[in-house]
């Protein structure tokens, strides 16, 4: 069911894929996304699935047969409360780990330090996923 309580901010990020079934399965099993709604016809460019990756943050997954170069993202960063569990779960769902979770203390221009743990993974569809666990 399509519901959201958010009034402001990003509604969704759109990812085009040639394997909508596998991509949706990865985000639901590997990242714990919740199915929201699906529309369009199987095998058509209007076929899409909207999943909630947490707290009303939507990822729209569109099926495409076309070669595309527009809209390629560098990575999708997912906030997590337990980075080790998130990495384990994504790996079990087919993601490739690109290193171990590590700490970062990033000095901001304001003088504050942004402290986090992070880890990059490559999803089965080829996109780059970064898990972030805030240390505040």
Protein backbone atom coordinates (compact mmCIF):
# COMPACT_ATOMS: atom_id res chain seq x y z
CA UNK A 1 0.00 0.00 0.00
CA UNK A 2 1.30 3.44 -0.95
CA UNK A 3 1.53 5.59 2.17
CA UNK A 4 4.00 8.16 3.41
CA UNK A 5 4.09 10.55 6.35
CA UNK A 6 6.90 12.68 4.96
CA UNK A 7 5.92 16.18 3.94
CA UNK A 8 9.27 17.40 2.65
CA UNK A 9 12.54 16.02 1.30
CA UNK A 10 13.38 13.56 -1.43
CA UNK A 11 10.43 11.43 -2.49
CA UNK A 12 12.45 8.82 -4.38
CA UNK A 13 15.57 7.99 -6.34
CA UNK A 14 14.98 6.13 -9.61
CA UNK A 15 17.14 3.22 -10.70
CA UNK A 16 16.79 1.72 -14.19
CA UNK A 17 17.57 -1.97 -14.53
CA UNK A 18 17.35 -4.72 -17.11
CA UNK A 19 16.47 -7.26 -14.36
CA UNK A 20 13.63 -5.75 -12.34
CA UNK A 21 12.81 -9.00 -10.54
CA UNK A 22 16.39 -9.59 -9.38
CA UNK A 23 16.92 -5.94 -8.49
CA UNK A 24 13.73 -5.71 -6.40
CA UNK A 25 14.59 -9.00 -4.71
CA UNK A 26 18.07 -7.70 -3.81
CA UNK A 27 16.78 -4.45 -2.29
CA UNK A 28 14.09 -6.27 -0.30
CA UNK A 29 16.19 -9.21 0.89
CA UNK A 30 19.62 -7.60 0.98
CA UNK A 31 18.73 -4.14 2.28
CA UNK A 32 15.46 -4.85 4.07
CA UNK A 33 13.37 -2.59 1.81
CA UNK A 34 9.59 -2.82 2.09
CA UNK A 35 7.44 -3.25 -1.03
CA UNK A 36 5.19 -0.21 -1.56
CA UNK A 37 3.55 -0.42 -4.99
CA UNK A 38 4.07 -1.76 -8.53
CA UNK A 39 2.71 -0.53 -11.86
CA UNK A 40 3.07 -1.04 -15.62
CA UNK A 41 3.34 -4.16 -17.72
CA UNK A 42 6.00 -6.88 -17.39
CA UNK A 43 8.71 -6.37 -20.00
CA UNK A 44 7.62 -2.81 -20.81
CA UNK A 45 9.38 0.49 -20.11
CA UNK A 46 6.48 1.55 -17.85
CA UNK A 47 7.03 -1.37 -15.43
CA UNK A 48 8.21 -0.05 -12.07
CA UNK A 49 8.30 -1.04 -8.42
CA UNK A 50 8.50 1.43 -5.54
CA UNK A 51 10.19 0.18 -2.36
CA UNK A 52 10.73 1.93 0.96
CA UNK A 53 14.37 1.66 2.08
CA UNK A 54 13.48 3.16 5.48
CA UNK A 55 11.33 5.86 7.08
CA UNK A 56 9.55 6.76 3.84
CA UNK A 57 12.69 7.00 1.70
CA UNK A 58 11.59 5.48 -1.61
CA UNK A 59 13.60 3.81 -4.36
CA UNK A 60 11.79 3.53 -7.70
CA UNK A 61 13.07 0.61 -9.76
CA UNK A 62 12.21 0.84 -13.47
CA UNK A 63 12.57 -1.97 -15.98
CA UNK A 64 14.27 -1.04 -19.25
CA UNK A 65 15.50 -2.87 -22.31
CA UNK A 66 17.27 0.22 -23.67
CA UNK A 67 20.92 1.09 -23.26
CA UNK A 68 21.01 4.16 -21.06
CA UNK A 69 23.61 6.57 -19.80
CA UNK A 70 21.45 9.26 -18.22
CA UNK A 71 20.87 9.23 -14.50
CA UNK A 72 23.76 7.01 -13.51
CA UNK A 73 24.35 7.57 -9.82
CA UNK A 74 27.76 7.26 -8.17
CA UNK A 75 26.36 5.39 -5.18
CA UNK A 76 23.31 5.03 -2.98
CA UNK A 77 24.02 5.58 0.72
CA UNK A 78 21.79 3.68 3.13
CA UNK A 79 21.66 4.64 6.82
CA UNK A 80 21.83 1.66 9.18
CA UNK A 81 21.87 1.09 12.94
CA UNK A 82 24.02 -2.08 12.58
CA UNK A 83 26.52 -1.92 9.72
CA UNK A 84 27.94 -5.41 10.23
CA UNK A 85 24.46 -6.96 10.01
CA UNK A 86 23.58 -4.85 6.96
CA UNK A 87 26.77 -5.93 5.15
CA UNK A 88 26.17 -9.60 6.05
CA UNK A 89 22.56 -9.47 4.86
CA UNK A 90 23.43 -7.74 1.56
CA UNK A 91 26.26 -10.23 0.90
CA UNK A 92 23.89 -13.15 1.48
CA UNK A 93 21.55 -11.58 -1.09
CA UNK A 94 24.32 -11.46 -3.70
CA UNK A 95 26.22 -8.19 -3.13
CA UNK A 96 30.02 -8.14 -3.32
CA UNK A 97 31.80 -6.59 -0.35
CA UNK A 98 34.37 -3.96 -1.32
CA UNK A 99 36.23 -3.91 2.01
CA UNK A 100 35.28 -4.09 5.64
CA UNK A 101 33.30 -1.52 7.60
CA UNK A 102 35.61 1.20 8.85
CA UNK A 103 35.49 4.36 10.89
CA UNK A 104 35.76 7.88 9.52
CA UNK A 105 36.06 11.18 11.35
CA UNK A 106 35.50 13.79 8.68
CA UNK A 107 36.36 17.40 9.54
CA UNK A 108 33.60 19.71 8.32
CA UNK A 109 34.24 23.29 7.23
CA UNK A 110 32.28 24.46 10.27
CA UNK A 111 34.88 22.88 12.54
CA UNK A 112 32.73 19.99 13.71
CA UNK A 113 33.75 16.36 13.18
CA UNK A 114 31.30 14.05 11.41
CA UNK A 115 31.90 10.56 12.83
CA UNK A 116 30.59 7.45 11.11
CA UNK A 117 31.28 3.87 10.09
CA UNK A 118 30.93 3.06 6.40
CA UNK A 119 31.31 0.22 3.93
CA UNK A 120 30.85 -0.01 0.16
CA UNK A 121 29.32 -2.98 -1.66
CA UNK A 122 28.52 -3.77 -5.29
CA UNK A 123 24.89 -4.86 -5.77
CA UNK A 124 24.14 -7.77 -8.12
CA UNK A 125 22.90 -5.27 -10.74
CA UNK A 126 26.25 -3.43 -10.68
CA UNK A 127 25.24 -0.36 -8.66
CA UNK A 128 27.41 0.84 -5.78
CA UNK A 129 25.83 0.80 -2.30
CA UNK A 130 27.34 2.51 0.75
CA UNK A 131 26.15 1.64 4.23
CA UNK A 132 26.57 4.38 6.85
CA UNK A 133 26.24 4.01 10.61
CA UNK A 134 26.37 7.36 12.40
CA UNK A 135 28.48 7.30 15.56
CA UNK A 136 26.73 10.19 17.31
